[in-house]
Amino acid sequence: FGLATHVLRHWEAMGLLTPVRDAA
């Protein structure tokens, strides 16, 4: 999407995204 990874982390912190987590 041409984004910085911190943008996705910020969106997650805001509750806009909820990616799953792997075993690690």
PDB file of all heavy atoms in Angstrom:
ATOM      1  N   PHE A   1       0.804  -1.224   0.000  1.00  0.00           N
ATOM      2  CA  PHE A   1       0.000   0.000   0.000  1.00  0.00           C
ATOM      3  C   PHE A   1       0.840   1.279   0.000  1.00  0.00           C
ATOM      4  O   PHE A   1       0.288   2.370   0.048  1.00  0.00           O
ATOM      5  CB  PHE A   1      -0.951  -0.001   1.196  1.00  0.00           C
ATOM      6  CG  PHE A   1      -2.066  -1.001   1.064  1.00  0.00           C
ATOM      7  CD1 PHE A   1      -2.001  -2.218   1.727  1.00  0.00           C
ATOM      8  CD2 PHE A   1      -3.170  -0.733   0.279  1.00  0.00           C
ATOM      9  CE1 PHE A   1      -3.027  -3.156   1.602  1.00  0.00           C
ATOM     10  CE2 PHE A   1      -4.202  -1.653   0.152  1.00  0.00           C
ATOM     11  CZ  PHE A   1      -4.122  -2.864   0.816  1.00  0.00           C
ATOM     12  N   GLY A   2       2.157   1.147  -0.026  1.00  0.00           N
ATOM     13  CA  GLY A   2       3.014   2.328  -0.034  1.00  0.00           C
ATOM     14  C   GLY A   2       2.987   3.071   1.290  1.00  0.00           C
ATOM     15  O   GLY A   2       3.058   4.311   1.319  1.00  0.00           O
ATOM     16  N   LEU A   3       2.902   2.341   2.383  1.00  0.00           N
ATOM     17  CA  LEU A   3       2.840   2.932   3.720  1.00  0.00           C
ATOM     18  C   LEU A   3       4.088   2.584   4.510  1.00  0.00           C
ATOM     19  O   LEU A   3       4.770   1.606   4.214  1.00  0.00           O
ATOM     20  CB  LEU A   3       1.627   2.390   4.476  1.00  0.00           C
ATOM     21  CG  LEU A   3       0.255   2.655   3.883  1.00  0.00           C
ATOM     22  CD1 LEU A   3      -0.799   1.814   4.588  1.00  0.00           C
ATOM     23  CD2 LEU A   3      -0.076   4.132   3.970  1.00  0.00           C
ATOM     24  N   ALA A   4       4.348   3.348   5.541  1.00  0.00           N
ATOM     25  CA  ALA A   4       5.385   2.985   6.506  1.00  0.00           C
ATOM     26  C   ALA A   4       4.758   2.008   7.503  1.00  0.00           C
ATOM     27  O   ALA A   4       3.557   2.102   7.793  1.00  0.00           O
ATOM     28  CB  ALA A   4       5.896   4.225   7.231  1.00  0.00           C
ATOM     29  N   THR A   5       5.555   1.101   8.020  1.00  0.00           N
ATOM     30  CA  THR A   5       5.011   0.113   8.957  1.00  0.00           C
ATOM     31  C   THR A   5       4.451   0.776  10.210  1.00  0.00           C
ATOM     32  O   THR A   5       3.477   0.282  10.782  1.00  0.00           O
ATOM     33  CB  THR A   5       6.067  -0.932   9.351  1.00  0.00           C
ATOM     34  OG1 THR A   5       7.215  -0.260   9.883  1.00  0.00           O
ATOM     35  CG2 THR A   5       6.472  -1.782   8.160  1.00  0.00           C
ATOM     36  N   HIS A   6       5.022   1.914  10.610  1.00  0.00           N
ATOM     37  CA  HIS A   6       4.509   2.575  11.819  1.00  0.00           C
ATOM     38  C   HIS A   6       3.070   3.064  11.624  1.00  0.00           C
ATOM     39  O   HIS A   6       2.309   3.180  12.587  1.00  0.00           O
ATOM     40  CB  HIS A   6       5.437   3.706  12.287  1.00  0.00           C
ATOM     41  CG  HIS A   6       5.430   4.911  11.404  1.00  0.00           C
ATOM     42  ND1 HIS A   6       4.499   5.909  11.526  1.00  0.00           N
ATOM     43  CD2 HIS A   6       6.251   5.283  10.392  1.00  0.00           C
ATOM     44  CE1 HIS A   6       4.741   6.850  10.619  1.00  0.00           C
ATOM     45  NE2 HIS A   6       5.790   6.482   9.919  1.00  0.00           N
ATOM     46  N   VAL A   7       2.683   3.322  10.383  1.00  0.00           N
ATOM     47  CA  VAL A   7       1.302   3.734  10.113  1.00  0.00           C
ATOM     48  C   VAL A   7       0.353   2.577  10.438  1.00  0.00           C
ATOM     49  O   VAL A   7      -0.672   2.771  11.097  1.00  0.00           O
ATOM     50  CB  VAL A   7       1.138   4.190   8.639  1.00  0.00           C
ATOM     51  CG1 VAL A   7      -0.327   4.400   8.283  1.00  0.00           C
ATOM     52  CG2 VAL A   7       1.951   5.443   8.380  1.00  0.00           C
ATOM     53  N   LEU A   8       0.699   1.396  10.003  1.00  0.00           N
ATOM     54  CA  LEU A   8      -0.135   0.225  10.294  1.00  0.00           C
ATOM     55  C   LEU A   8      -0.190  -0.043  11.794  1.00  0.00           C
ATOM     56  O   LEU A   8      -1.250  -0.381  12.341  1.00  0.00           O
ATOM     57  CB  LEU A   8       0.375  -1.002   9.537  1.00  0.00           C
ATOM     58  CG  LEU A   8       0.290  -0.896   8.011  1.00  0.00           C
ATOM     59  CD1 LEU A   8       1.042  -2.044   7.357  1.00  0.00           C
ATOM     60  CD2 LEU A   8      -1.149  -0.844   7.549  1.00  0.00           C
ATOM     61  N   ARG A   9       0.935   0.128  12.484  1.00  0.00           N
ATOM     62  CA  ARG A   9       0.945  -0.052  13.938  1.00  0.00           C
ATOM     63  C   ARG A   9       0.049   0.986  14.619  1.00  0.00           C
ATOM     64  O   ARG A   9      -0.668   0.673  15.566  1.00  0.00           O
ATOM     65  CB  ARG A   9       2.370   0.041  14.475  1.00  0.00           C
ATOM     66  CG  ARG A   9       3.212  -1.158  14.150  1.00  0.00           C
ATOM     67  CD  ARG A   9       4.580  -1.076  14.867  1.00  0.00           C
ATOM     68  NE  ARG A   9       5.512  -1.967  14.222  1.00  0.00           N
ATOM     69  CZ  ARG A   9       6.400  -1.605  13.292  1.00  0.00           C
ATOM     70  NH1 ARG A   9       6.497  -0.343  12.905  1.00  0.00           N
ATOM     71  NH2 ARG A   9       7.198  -2.502  12.756  1.00  0.00           N
ATOM     72  N   HIS A  10       0.104   2.223  14.126  1.00  0.00           N
ATOM     73  CA  HIS A  10      -0.739   3.287  14.684  1.00  0.00           C
ATOM     74  C   HIS A  10      -2.212   2.970  14.476  1.00  0.00           C
ATOM     75  O   HIS A  10      -3.029   3.125  15.381  1.00  0.00           O
ATOM     76  CB  HIS A  10      -0.369   4.630  14.047  1.00  0.00           C
ATOM     77  CG  HIS A  10      -1.219   5.766  14.488  1.00  0.00           C
ATOM     78  ND1 HIS A  10      -1.217   6.242  15.775  1.00  0.00           N
ATOM     79  CD2 HIS A  10      -2.124   6.518  13.806  1.00  0.00           C
ATOM     80  CE1 HIS A  10      -2.084   7.248  15.883  1.00  0.00           C
ATOM     81  NE2 HIS A  10      -2.643   7.428  14.690  1.00  0.00           N
ATOM     82  N   TRP A  11      -2.565   2.530  13.283  1.00  0.00           N
ATOM     83  CA  TRP A  11      -3.954   2.174  13.005  1.00  0.00           C
ATOM     84  C   TRP A  11      -4.405   1.026  13.900  1.00  0.00           C
ATOM     85  O   TRP A  11      -5.541   1.008  14.358  1.00  0.00           O
ATOM     86  CB  TRP A  11      -4.137   1.826  11.541  1.00  0.00           C
ATOM     87  CG  TRP A  11      -3.978   2.998  10.602  1.00  0.00           C
ATOM     88  CD1 TRP A  11      -3.811   4.314  10.934  1.00  0.00           C
ATOM     89  CD2 TRP A  11      -3.975   2.948   9.186  1.00  0.00           C
ATOM     90  NE1 TRP A  11      -3.690   5.082   9.807  1.00  0.00           N
ATOM     91  CE2 TRP A  11      -3.799   4.272   8.718  1.00  0.00           C
ATOM     92  CE3 TRP A  11      -4.086   1.917   8.266  1.00  0.00           C
ATOM     93  CZ2 TRP A  11      -3.749   4.593   7.370  1.00  0.00           C
ATOM     94  CZ3 TRP A  11      -4.037   2.234   6.910  1.00  0.00           C
ATOM     95  CH2 TRP A  11      -3.872   3.558   6.473  1.00  0.00           C
ATOM     96  N   GLU A  12      -3.504   0.103  14.165  1.00  0.00           N
ATOM     97  CA  GLU A  12      -3.845  -0.991  15.077  1.00  0.00           C
ATOM     98  C   GLU A  12      -4.072  -0.449  16.491  1.00  0.00           C
ATOM     99  O   GLU A  12      -5.054  -0.817  17.158  1.00  0.00           O
ATOM    100  CB  GLU A  12      -2.742  -2.044  15.085  1.00  0.00           C
ATOM    101  CG  GLU A  12      -3.048  -3.213  15.980  1.00  0.00           C
ATOM    102  CD  GLU A  12      -1.937  -4.247  16.024  1.00  0.00           C
ATOM    103  OE1 GLU A  12      -0.946  -4.137  15.269  1.00  0.00           O
ATOM    104  OE2 GLU A  12      -2.069  -5.181  16.841  1.00  0.00           O
ATOM    105  N   ALA A  13      -3.198   0.437  16.950  1.00  0.00           N
ATOM    106  CA  ALA A  13      -3.345   1.029  18.284  1.00  0.00           C
ATOM    107  C   ALA A  13      -4.652   1.797  18.413  1.00  0.00           C
ATOM    108  O   ALA A  13      -5.243   1.850  19.496  1.00  0.00           O
ATOM    109  CB  ALA A  13      -2.154   1.944  18.586  1.00  0.00           C
ATOM    110  N   MET A  14      -5.122   2.375  17.307  1.00  0.00           N
ATOM    111  CA  MET A  14      -6.388   3.115  17.307  1.00  0.00           C
ATOM    112  C   MET A  14      -7.605   2.196  17.225  1.00  0.00           C
ATOM    113  O   MET A  14      -8.732   2.658  17.329  1.00  0.00           O
ATOM    114  CB  MET A  14      -6.433   4.089  16.119  1.00  0.00           C
ATOM    115  CG  MET A  14      -5.517   5.262  16.232  1.00  0.00           C
ATOM    116  SD  MET A  14      -5.859   6.431  14.906  1.00  0.00           S
ATOM    117  CE  MET A  14      -7.458   7.061  15.400  1.00  0.00           C
ATOM    118  N   GLY A  15      -7.373   0.926  16.990  1.00  0.00           N
ATOM    119  CA  GLY A  15      -8.484  -0.013  16.867  1.00  0.00           C
ATOM    120  C   GLY A  15      -9.037  -0.142  15.460  1.00  0.00           C
ATOM    121  O   GLY A  15     -10.105  -0.725  15.266  1.00  0.00           O
ATOM    122  N   LEU A  16      -8.316   0.387  14.487  1.00  0.00           N
ATOM    123  CA  LEU A  16      -8.773   0.304  13.097  1.00  0.00           C
ATOM    124  C   LEU A  16      -8.402  -1.023  12.448  1.00  0.00           C
ATOM    125  O   LEU A  16      -9.058  -1.453  11.508  1.00  0.00           O
ATOM    126  CB  LEU A  16      -8.178   1.452  12.281  1.00  0.00           C
ATOM    127  CG  LEU A  16      -8.716   2.837  12.616  1.00  0.00           C
ATOM    128  CD1 LEU A  16      -7.853   3.911  11.969  1.00  0.00           C
ATOM    129  CD2 LEU A  16     -10.156   2.964  12.191  1.00  0.00           C
ATOM    130  N   LEU A  17      -7.338  -1.646  12.924  1.00  0.00           N
ATOM    131  CA  LEU A  17      -6.875  -2.929  12.388  1.00  0.00           C
ATOM    132  C   LEU A  17      -6.681  -3.909  13.541  1.00  0.00           C
ATOM    133  O   LEU A  17      -6.299  -3.505  14.637  1.00  0.00           O
ATOM    134  CB  LEU A  17      -5.537  -2.767  11.658  1.00  0.00           C
ATOM    135  CG  LEU A  17      -5.519  -1.942  10.385  1.00  0.00           C
ATOM    136  CD1 LEU A  17      -4.084  -1.750   9.892  1.00  0.00           C
ATOM    137  CD2 LEU A  17      -6.356  -2.604   9.307  1.00  0.00           C
ATOM    138  N   THR A  18      -6.911  -5.177  13.248  1.00  0.00           N
ATOM    139  CA  THR A  18      -6.693  -6.221  14.258  1.00  0.00           C
ATOM    140  C   THR A  18      -6.048  -7.443  13.607  1.00  0.00           C
ATOM    141  O   THR A  18      -6.683  -8.497  13.472  1.00  0.00           O
ATOM    142  CB  THR A  18      -8.019  -6.622  14.936  1.00  0.00           C
ATOM    143  OG1 THR A  18      -8.953  -6.984  13.914  1.00  0.00           O
ATOM    144  CG2 THR A  18      -8.587  -5.509  15.778  1.00  0.00           C
ATOM    145  N   PRO A  19      -4.783  -7.301  13.194  1.00  0.00           N
ATOM    146  CA  PRO A  19      -4.125  -8.460  12.585  1.00  0.00           C
ATOM    147  C   PRO A  19      -3.930  -9.564  13.628  1.00  0.00           C
ATOM    148  O   PRO A  19      -3.808  -9.281  14.822  1.00  0.00           O
ATOM    149  CB  PRO A  19      -2.776  -7.892  12.125  1.00  0.00           C
ATOM    150  CG  PRO A  19      -2.527  -6.729  13.021  1.00  0.00           C
ATOM    151  CD  PRO A  19      -3.887  -6.156  13.328  1.00  0.00           C
ATOM    152  N   VAL A  20      -3.916 -10.798  13.159  1.00  0.00           N
ATOM    153  CA  VAL A  20      -3.640 -11.915  14.062  1.00  0.00           C
ATOM    154  C   VAL A  20      -2.143 -11.917  14.354  1.00  0.00           C
ATOM    155  O   VAL A  20      -1.367 -11.258  13.674  1.00  0.00           O
ATOM    156  CB  VAL A  20      -4.091 -13.270  13.456  1.00  0.00           C
ATOM    157  CG1 VAL A  20      -5.601 -13.303  13.281  1.00  0.00           C
ATOM    158  CG2 VAL A  20      -3.381 -13.548  12.145  1.00  0.00           C
ATOM    159  N   ARG A  21      -1.769 -12.674  15.361  1.00  0.00           N
ATOM    160  CA  ARG A  21      -0.343 -12.814  15.707  1.00  0.00           C
ATOM    161  C   ARG A  21       0.065 -14.264  15.498  1.00  0.00           C
ATOM    162  O   ARG A  21      -0.703 -15.181  15.787  1.00  0.00           O
ATOM    163  CB  ARG A  21      -0.098 -12.428  17.164  1.00  0.00           C
ATOM    164  CG  ARG A  21      -0.492 -11.009  17.545  1.00  0.00           C
ATOM    165  CD  ARG A  21       0.476 -10.009  16.974  1.00  0.00           C
ATOM    166  NE  ARG A  21       0.080  -8.655  17.323  1.00  0.00           N
ATOM    167  CZ  ARG A  21       0.937  -7.715  17.653  1.00  0.00           C
ATOM    168  NH1 ARG A  21       2.222  -7.964  17.698  1.00  0.00           N
ATOM    169  NH2 ARG A  21       0.505  -6.507  17.924  1.00  0.00           N
ATOM    170  N   ASP A  22       1.268 -14.441  14.989  1.00  0.00           N
ATOM    171  CA  ASP A  22       1.763 -15.812  14.842  1.00  0.00           C
ATOM    172  C   ASP A  22       2.365 -16.272  16.171  1.00  0.00           C
ATOM    173  O   ASP A  22       2.329 -15.540  17.162  1.00  0.00           O
ATOM    174  CB  ASP A  22       2.740 -15.931  13.663  1.00  0.00           C
ATOM    175  CG  ASP A  22       4.029 -15.142  13.841  1.00  0.00           C
ATOM    176  OD1 ASP A  22       4.334 -14.688  14.978  1.00  0.00           O
ATOM    177  OD2 ASP A  22       4.753 -14.973  12.839  1.00  0.00           O
ATOM    178  N   ALA A  23       2.921 -17.463  16.191  1.00  0.00           N
ATOM    179  CA  ALA A  23       3.461 -18.043  17.425  1.00  0.00           C
ATOM    180  C   ALA A  23       4.567 -17.179  18.028  1.00  0.00           C
ATOM    181  O   ALA A  23       4.750 -17.163  19.248  1.00  0.00           O
ATOM    182  CB  ALA A  23       3.978 -19.449  17.147  1.00  0.00           C
ATOM    183  N   ALA A  24       5.261 -16.426  17.182  1.00  0.00           N
ATOM    184  CA  ALA A  24       6.339 -15.555  17.655  1.00  0.00           C
ATOM    185  C   ALA A  24       5.836 -14.159  18.018  1.00  0.00           C
ATOM    186  O   ALA A  24       6.625 -13.295  18.396  1.00  0.00           O
ATOM    187  CB  ALA A  24       7.434 -15.465  16.605  1.00  0.00           C
TER     188      ALA A  24
END
